[in-house]
Amino acid sequence: VLACLRLLIRKCARESLCQDEIQKLLPSEVPLQLQNDLVLLLQKCQARWKEDASNDH
């Protein structure tokens, strides 16, 4: 799960992923409630990560 989160954070920082796209990238063995919570958090932080990534270049 941690490796998946790292990948998701990087993708969120580079791309505009919608809820369904993020959900598909999560492992199926992650409980549904945790998946929903992670999707919400990733979407909430996505704009900041994009800004941080653009400042790094």
PDB file of N, CA and C in Angstrom:
ATOM      1  N   VAL A   1       0.828  -1.192   0.000  1.00  0.00           N
ATOM      2  CA  VAL A   1       0.000   0.000   0.000  1.00  0.00           C
ATOM      3  C   VAL A   1       0.873   1.257   0.000  1.00  0.00           C
ATOM      4  N   LEU A   2       1.975   1.237   0.742  1.00  0.00           N
ATOM      5  CA  LEU A   2       2.840   2.426   0.794  1.00  0.00           C
ATOM      6  C   LEU A   2       3.442   2.752  -0.568  1.00  0.00           C
ATOM      7  N   ALA A   3       3.874   1.726  -1.289  1.00  0.00           N
ATOM      8  CA  ALA A   3       4.419   1.963  -2.627  1.00  0.00           C
ATOM      9  C   ALA A   3       3.342   2.533  -3.542  1.00  0.00           C
ATOM     10  N   CYS A   4       2.130   2.041  -3.394  1.00  0.00           N
ATOM     11  CA  CYS A   4       1.007   2.537  -4.191  1.00  0.00           C
ATOM     12  C   CYS A   4       0.728   4.003  -3.862  1.00  0.00           C
ATOM     13  N   LEU A   5       0.770   4.358  -2.587  1.00  0.00           N
ATOM     14  CA  LEU A   5       0.537   5.749  -2.186  1.00  0.00           C
ATOM     15  C   LEU A   5       1.594   6.675  -2.773  1.00  0.00           C
ATOM     16  N   ARG A   6       2.825   6.229  -2.760  1.00  0.00           N
ATOM     17  CA  ARG A   6       3.910   7.033  -3.331  1.00  0.00           C
ATOM     18  C   ARG A   6       3.646   7.290  -4.817  1.00  0.00           C
ATOM     19  N   LEU A   7       3.251   6.249  -5.524  1.00  0.00           N
ATOM     20  CA  LEU A   7       2.922   6.381  -6.943  1.00  0.00           C
ATOM     21  C   LEU A   7       1.746   7.332  -7.142  1.00  0.00           C
ATOM     22  N   LEU A   8       0.717   7.177  -6.322  1.00  0.00           N
ATOM     23  CA  LEU A   8      -0.461   8.031  -6.444  1.00  0.00           C
ATOM     24  C   LEU A   8      -0.140   9.494  -6.180  1.00  0.00           C
ATOM     25  N   ILE A   9       0.665   9.758  -5.175  1.00  0.00           N
ATOM     26  CA  ILE A   9       1.041  11.137  -4.866  1.00  0.00           C
ATOM     27  C   ILE A   9       1.796  11.746  -6.043  1.00  0.00           C
ATOM     28  N   ARG A  10       2.713  10.986  -6.618  1.00  0.00           N
ATOM     29  CA  ARG A  10       3.460  11.491  -7.778  1.00  0.00           C
ATOM     30  C   ARG A  10       2.539  11.751  -8.966  1.00  0.00           C
ATOM     31  N   LYS A  11       1.618  10.813  -9.225  1.00  0.00           N
ATOM     32  CA  LYS A  11       0.680  10.999 -10.337  1.00  0.00           C
ATOM     33  C   LYS A  11      -0.223  12.204 -10.089  1.00  0.00           C
ATOM     34  N   CYS A  12      -0.672  12.370  -8.857  1.00  0.00           N
ATOM     35  CA  CYS A  12      -1.537  13.510  -8.525  1.00  0.00           C
ATOM     36  C   CYS A  12      -0.788  14.830  -8.688  1.00  0.00           C
ATOM     37  N   ALA A  13       0.507  14.815  -8.437  1.00  0.00           N
ATOM     38  CA  ALA A  13       1.305  16.031  -8.566  1.00  0.00           C
ATOM     39  C   ALA A  13       1.539  16.393 -10.034  1.00  0.00           C
ATOM     40  N   ARG A  14       1.477  15.404 -10.921  1.00  0.00           N
ATOM     41  CA  ARG A  14       1.760  15.645 -12.334  1.00  0.00           C
ATOM     42  C   ARG A  14       0.522  15.721 -13.214  1.00  0.00           C
ATOM     43  N   GLU A  15      -0.534  15.014 -12.806  1.00  0.00           N
ATOM     44  CA  GLU A  15      -1.723  14.899 -13.647  1.00  0.00           C
ATOM     45  C   GLU A  15      -2.959  15.333 -12.876  1.00  0.00           C
ATOM     46  N   SER A  16      -4.003  15.624 -13.597  1.00  0.00           N
ATOM     47  CA  SER A  16      -5.301  15.903 -12.972  1.00  0.00           C
ATOM     48  C   SER A  16      -6.108  14.615 -12.988  1.00  0.00           C
ATOM     49  N   LEU A  17      -6.059  13.907 -11.889  1.00  0.00           N
ATOM     50  CA  LEU A  17      -6.767  12.636 -11.796  1.00  0.00           C
ATOM     51  C   LEU A  17      -8.126  12.845 -11.146  1.00  0.00           C
ATOM     52  N   CYS A  18      -9.153  12.241 -11.731  1.00  0.00           N
ATOM     53  CA  CYS A  18     -10.476  12.313 -11.121  1.00  0.00           C
ATOM     54  C   CYS A  18     -10.610  11.182 -10.103  1.00  0.00           C
ATOM     55  N   GLN A  19     -11.691  11.215  -9.378  1.00  0.00           N
ATOM     56  CA  GLN A  19     -11.926  10.242  -8.314  1.00  0.00           C
ATOM     57  C   GLN A  19     -11.863   8.809  -8.843  1.00  0.00           C
ATOM     58  N   ASP A  20     -12.490   8.542  -9.966  1.00  0.00           N
ATOM     59  CA  ASP A  20     -12.507   7.185 -10.525  1.00  0.00           C
ATOM     60  C   ASP A  20     -11.113   6.715 -10.915  1.00  0.00           C
ATOM     61  N   GLU A  21     -10.311   7.608 -11.471  1.00  0.00           N
ATOM     62  CA  GLU A  21      -8.952   7.241 -11.873  1.00  0.00           C
ATOM     63  C   GLU A  21      -8.099   6.896 -10.659  1.00  0.00           C
ATOM     64  N   ILE A  22      -8.236   7.671  -9.603  1.00  0.00           N
ATOM     65  CA  ILE A  22      -7.488   7.391  -8.376  1.00  0.00           C
ATOM     66  C   ILE A  22      -7.942   6.065  -7.787  1.00  0.00           C
ATOM     67  N   GLN A  23      -9.243   5.853  -7.741  1.00  0.00           N
ATOM     68  CA  GLN A  23      -9.819   4.631  -7.169  1.00  0.00           C
ATOM     69  C   GLN A  23      -9.286   3.393  -7.894  1.00  0.00           C
ATOM     70  N   LYS A  24      -9.165   3.457  -9.210  1.00  0.00           N
ATOM     71  CA  LYS A  24      -8.684   2.322  -9.999  1.00  0.00           C
ATOM     72  C   LYS A  24      -7.227   1.991  -9.700  1.00  0.00           C
ATOM     73  N   LEU A  25      -6.452   2.965  -9.251  1.00  0.00           N
ATOM     74  CA  LEU A  25      -5.037   2.746  -8.978  1.00  0.00           C
ATOM     75  C   LEU A  25      -4.778   2.145  -7.598  1.00  0.00           C
ATOM     76  N   LEU A  26      -5.787   2.161  -6.739  1.00  0.00           N
ATOM     77  CA  LEU A  26      -5.635   1.588  -5.403  1.00  0.00           C
ATOM     78  C   LEU A  26      -5.791   0.073  -5.467  1.00  0.00           C
ATOM     79  N   PRO A  27      -5.000  -0.662  -4.675  1.00  0.00           N
ATOM     80  CA  PRO A  27      -5.135  -2.124  -4.653  1.00  0.00           C
ATOM     81  C   PRO A  27      -6.533  -2.538  -4.190  1.00  0.00           C
ATOM     82  N   SER A  28      -7.065  -3.576  -4.777  1.00  0.00           N
ATOM     83  CA  SER A  28      -8.421  -4.033  -4.448  1.00  0.00           C
ATOM     84  C   SER A  28      -8.529  -4.556  -3.020  1.00  0.00           C
ATOM     85  N   GLU A  29      -7.411  -4.978  -2.433  1.00  0.00           N
ATOM     86  CA  GLU A  29      -7.461  -5.505  -1.064  1.00  0.00           C
ATOM     87  C   GLU A  29      -7.559  -4.411   0.004  1.00  0.00           C
ATOM     88  N   VAL A  30      -7.439  -3.149  -0.407  1.00  0.00           N
ATOM     89  CA  VAL A  30      -7.613  -2.039   0.536  1.00  0.00           C
ATOM     90  C   VAL A  30      -9.111  -1.904   0.812  1.00  0.00           C
ATOM     91  N   PRO A  31      -9.509  -1.877   2.092  1.00  0.00           N
ATOM     92  CA  PRO A  31     -10.936  -1.755   2.425  1.00  0.00           C
ATOM     93  C   PRO A  31     -11.568  -0.519   1.776  1.00  0.00           C
ATOM     94  N   LEU A  32     -12.830  -0.655   1.407  1.00  0.00           N
ATOM     95  CA  LEU A  32     -13.535   0.397   0.673  1.00  0.00           C
ATOM     96  C   LEU A  32     -13.532   1.734   1.408  1.00  0.00           C
ATOM     97  N   GLN A  33     -13.762   1.724   2.703  1.00  0.00           N
ATOM     98  CA  GLN A  33     -13.777   2.980   3.466  1.00  0.00           C
ATOM     99  C   GLN A  33     -12.406   3.656   3.421  1.00  0.00           C
ATOM    100  N   LEU A  34     -11.344   2.866   3.535  1.00  0.00           N
ATOM    101  CA  LEU A  34      -9.990   3.423   3.448  1.00  0.00           C
ATOM    102  C   LEU A  34      -9.733   3.962   2.041  1.00  0.00           C
ATOM    103  N   GLN A  35     -10.198   3.254   1.025  1.00  0.00           N
ATOM    104  CA  GLN A  35     -10.060   3.745  -0.350  1.00  0.00           C
ATOM    105  C   GLN A  35     -10.731   5.105  -0.506  1.00  0.00           C
ATOM    106  N   ASN A  36     -11.951   5.214   0.003  1.00  0.00           N
ATOM    107  CA  ASN A  36     -12.685   6.478  -0.096  1.00  0.00           C
ATOM    108  C   ASN A  36     -11.962   7.603   0.631  1.00  0.00           C
ATOM    109  N   ASP A  37     -11.450   7.308   1.825  1.00  0.00           N
ATOM    110  CA  ASP A  37     -10.716   8.318   2.591  1.00  0.00           C
ATOM    111  C   ASP A  37      -9.449   8.751   1.862  1.00  0.00           C
ATOM    112  N   LEU A  38      -8.728   7.791   1.299  1.00  0.00           N
ATOM    113  CA  LEU A  38      -7.495   8.111   0.571  1.00  0.00           C
ATOM    114  C   LEU A  38      -7.791   8.958  -0.667  1.00  0.00           C
ATOM    115  N   VAL A  39      -8.842   8.614  -1.384  1.00  0.00           N
ATOM    116  CA  VAL A  39      -9.215   9.385  -2.578  1.00  0.00           C
ATOM    117  C   VAL A  39      -9.517  10.828  -2.195  1.00  0.00           C
ATOM    118  N   LEU A  40     -10.286  11.020  -1.135  1.00  0.00           N
ATOM    119  CA  LEU A  40     -10.616  12.380  -0.693  1.00  0.00           C
ATOM    120  C   LEU A  40      -9.367  13.159  -0.303  1.00  0.00           C
ATOM    121  N   LEU A  41      -8.465  12.515   0.430  1.00  0.00           N
ATOM    122  CA  LEU A  41      -7.230  13.192   0.839  1.00  0.00           C
ATOM    123  C   LEU A  41      -6.340  13.518  -0.355  1.00  0.00           C
ATOM    124  N   LEU A  42      -6.226  12.583  -1.278  1.00  0.00           N
ATOM    125  CA  LEU A  42      -5.403  12.823  -2.464  1.00  0.00           C
ATOM    126  C   LEU A  42      -5.967  13.971  -3.292  1.00  0.00           C
ATOM    127  N   GLN A  43      -7.273  14.009  -3.449  1.00  0.00           N
ATOM    128  CA  GLN A  43      -7.887  15.103  -4.205  1.00  0.00           C
ATOM    129  C   GLN A  43      -7.717  16.433  -3.478  1.00  0.00           C
ATOM    130  N   LYS A  44      -7.823  16.405  -2.171  1.00  0.00           N
ATOM    131  CA  LYS A  44      -7.687  17.632  -1.378  1.00  0.00           C
ATOM    132  C   LYS A  44      -6.285  18.226  -1.515  1.00  0.00           C
ATOM    133  N   CYS A  45      -5.277  17.374  -1.557  1.00  0.00           N
ATOM    134  CA  CYS A  45      -3.883  17.838  -1.591  1.00  0.00           C
ATOM    135  C   CYS A  45      -3.341  18.008  -3.004  1.00  0.00           C
ATOM    136  N   GLN A  46      -4.076  17.579  -4.003  1.00  0.00           N
ATOM    137  CA  GLN A  46      -3.578  17.553  -5.373  1.00  0.00           C
ATOM    138  C   GLN A  46      -3.094  18.918  -5.862  1.00  0.00           C
ATOM    139  N   ALA A  47      -3.841  19.964  -5.630  1.00  0.00           N
ATOM    140  CA  ALA A  47      -3.455  21.298  -6.116  1.00  0.00           C
ATOM    141  C   ALA A  47      -2.145  21.756  -5.483  1.00  0.00           C
ATOM    142  N   ARG A  48      -1.990  21.515  -4.188  1.00  0.00           N
ATOM    143  CA  ARG A  48      -0.759  21.921  -3.509  1.00  0.00           C
ATOM    144  C   ARG A  48       0.439  21.144  -4.035  1.00  0.00           C
ATOM    145  N   TRP A  49       0.275  19.844  -4.248  1.00  0.00           N
ATOM    146  CA  TRP A  49       1.368  19.034  -4.774  1.00  0.00           C
ATOM    147  C   TRP A  49       1.747  19.478  -6.180  1.00  0.00           C
ATOM    148  N   LYS A  50       0.759  19.832  -6.991  1.00  0.00           N
ATOM    149  CA  LYS A  50       1.048  20.325  -8.342  1.00  0.00           C
ATOM    150  C   LYS A  50       1.854  21.617  -8.269  1.00  0.00           C
ATOM    151  N   GLU A  51       1.463  22.497  -7.365  1.00  0.00           N
ATOM    152  CA  GLU A  51       2.183  23.760  -7.192  1.00  0.00           C
ATOM    153  C   GLU A  51       3.610  23.504  -6.723  1.00  0.00           C
ATOM    154  N   ASP A  52       3.769  22.626  -5.748  1.00  0.00           N
ATOM    155  CA  ASP A  52       5.104  22.287  -5.250  1.00  0.00           C
ATOM    156  C   ASP A  52       5.960  21.680  -6.355  1.00  0.00           C
ATOM    157  N   ALA A  53       5.374  20.805  -7.161  1.00  0.00           N
ATOM    158  CA  ALA A  53       6.112  20.162  -8.249  1.00  0.00           C
ATOM    159  C   ALA A  53       6.542  21.181  -9.294  1.00  0.00           C
ATOM    160  N   SER A  54       5.690  22.149  -9.584  1.00  0.00           N
ATOM    161  CA  SER A  54       6.051  23.162 -10.579  1.00  0.00           C
ATOM    162  C   SER A  54       7.145  24.088 -10.050  1.00  0.00           C
ATOM    163  N   ASN A  55       7.185  24.301  -8.746  1.00  0.00           N
ATOM    164  CA  ASN A  55       8.228  25.132  -8.146  1.00  0.00           C
ATOM    165  C   ASN A  55       9.577  24.425  -8.131  1.00  0.00           C
ATOM    166  N   ASP A  56       9.567  23.092  -8.179  1.00  0.00           N
ATOM    167  CA  ASP A  56      10.804  22.317  -8.159  1.00  0.00           C
ATOM    168  C   ASP A  56      11.529  22.352  -9.496  1.00  0.00           C
ATOM    169  N   HIS A  57      10.845  22.747 -10.555  1.00  0.00           N
ATOM    170  CA  HIS A  57      11.460  22.731 -11.889  1.00  0.00           C
ATOM    171  C   HIS A  57      12.085  24.028 -12.217  1.00  0.00           C
TER     172      HIS A  57
END
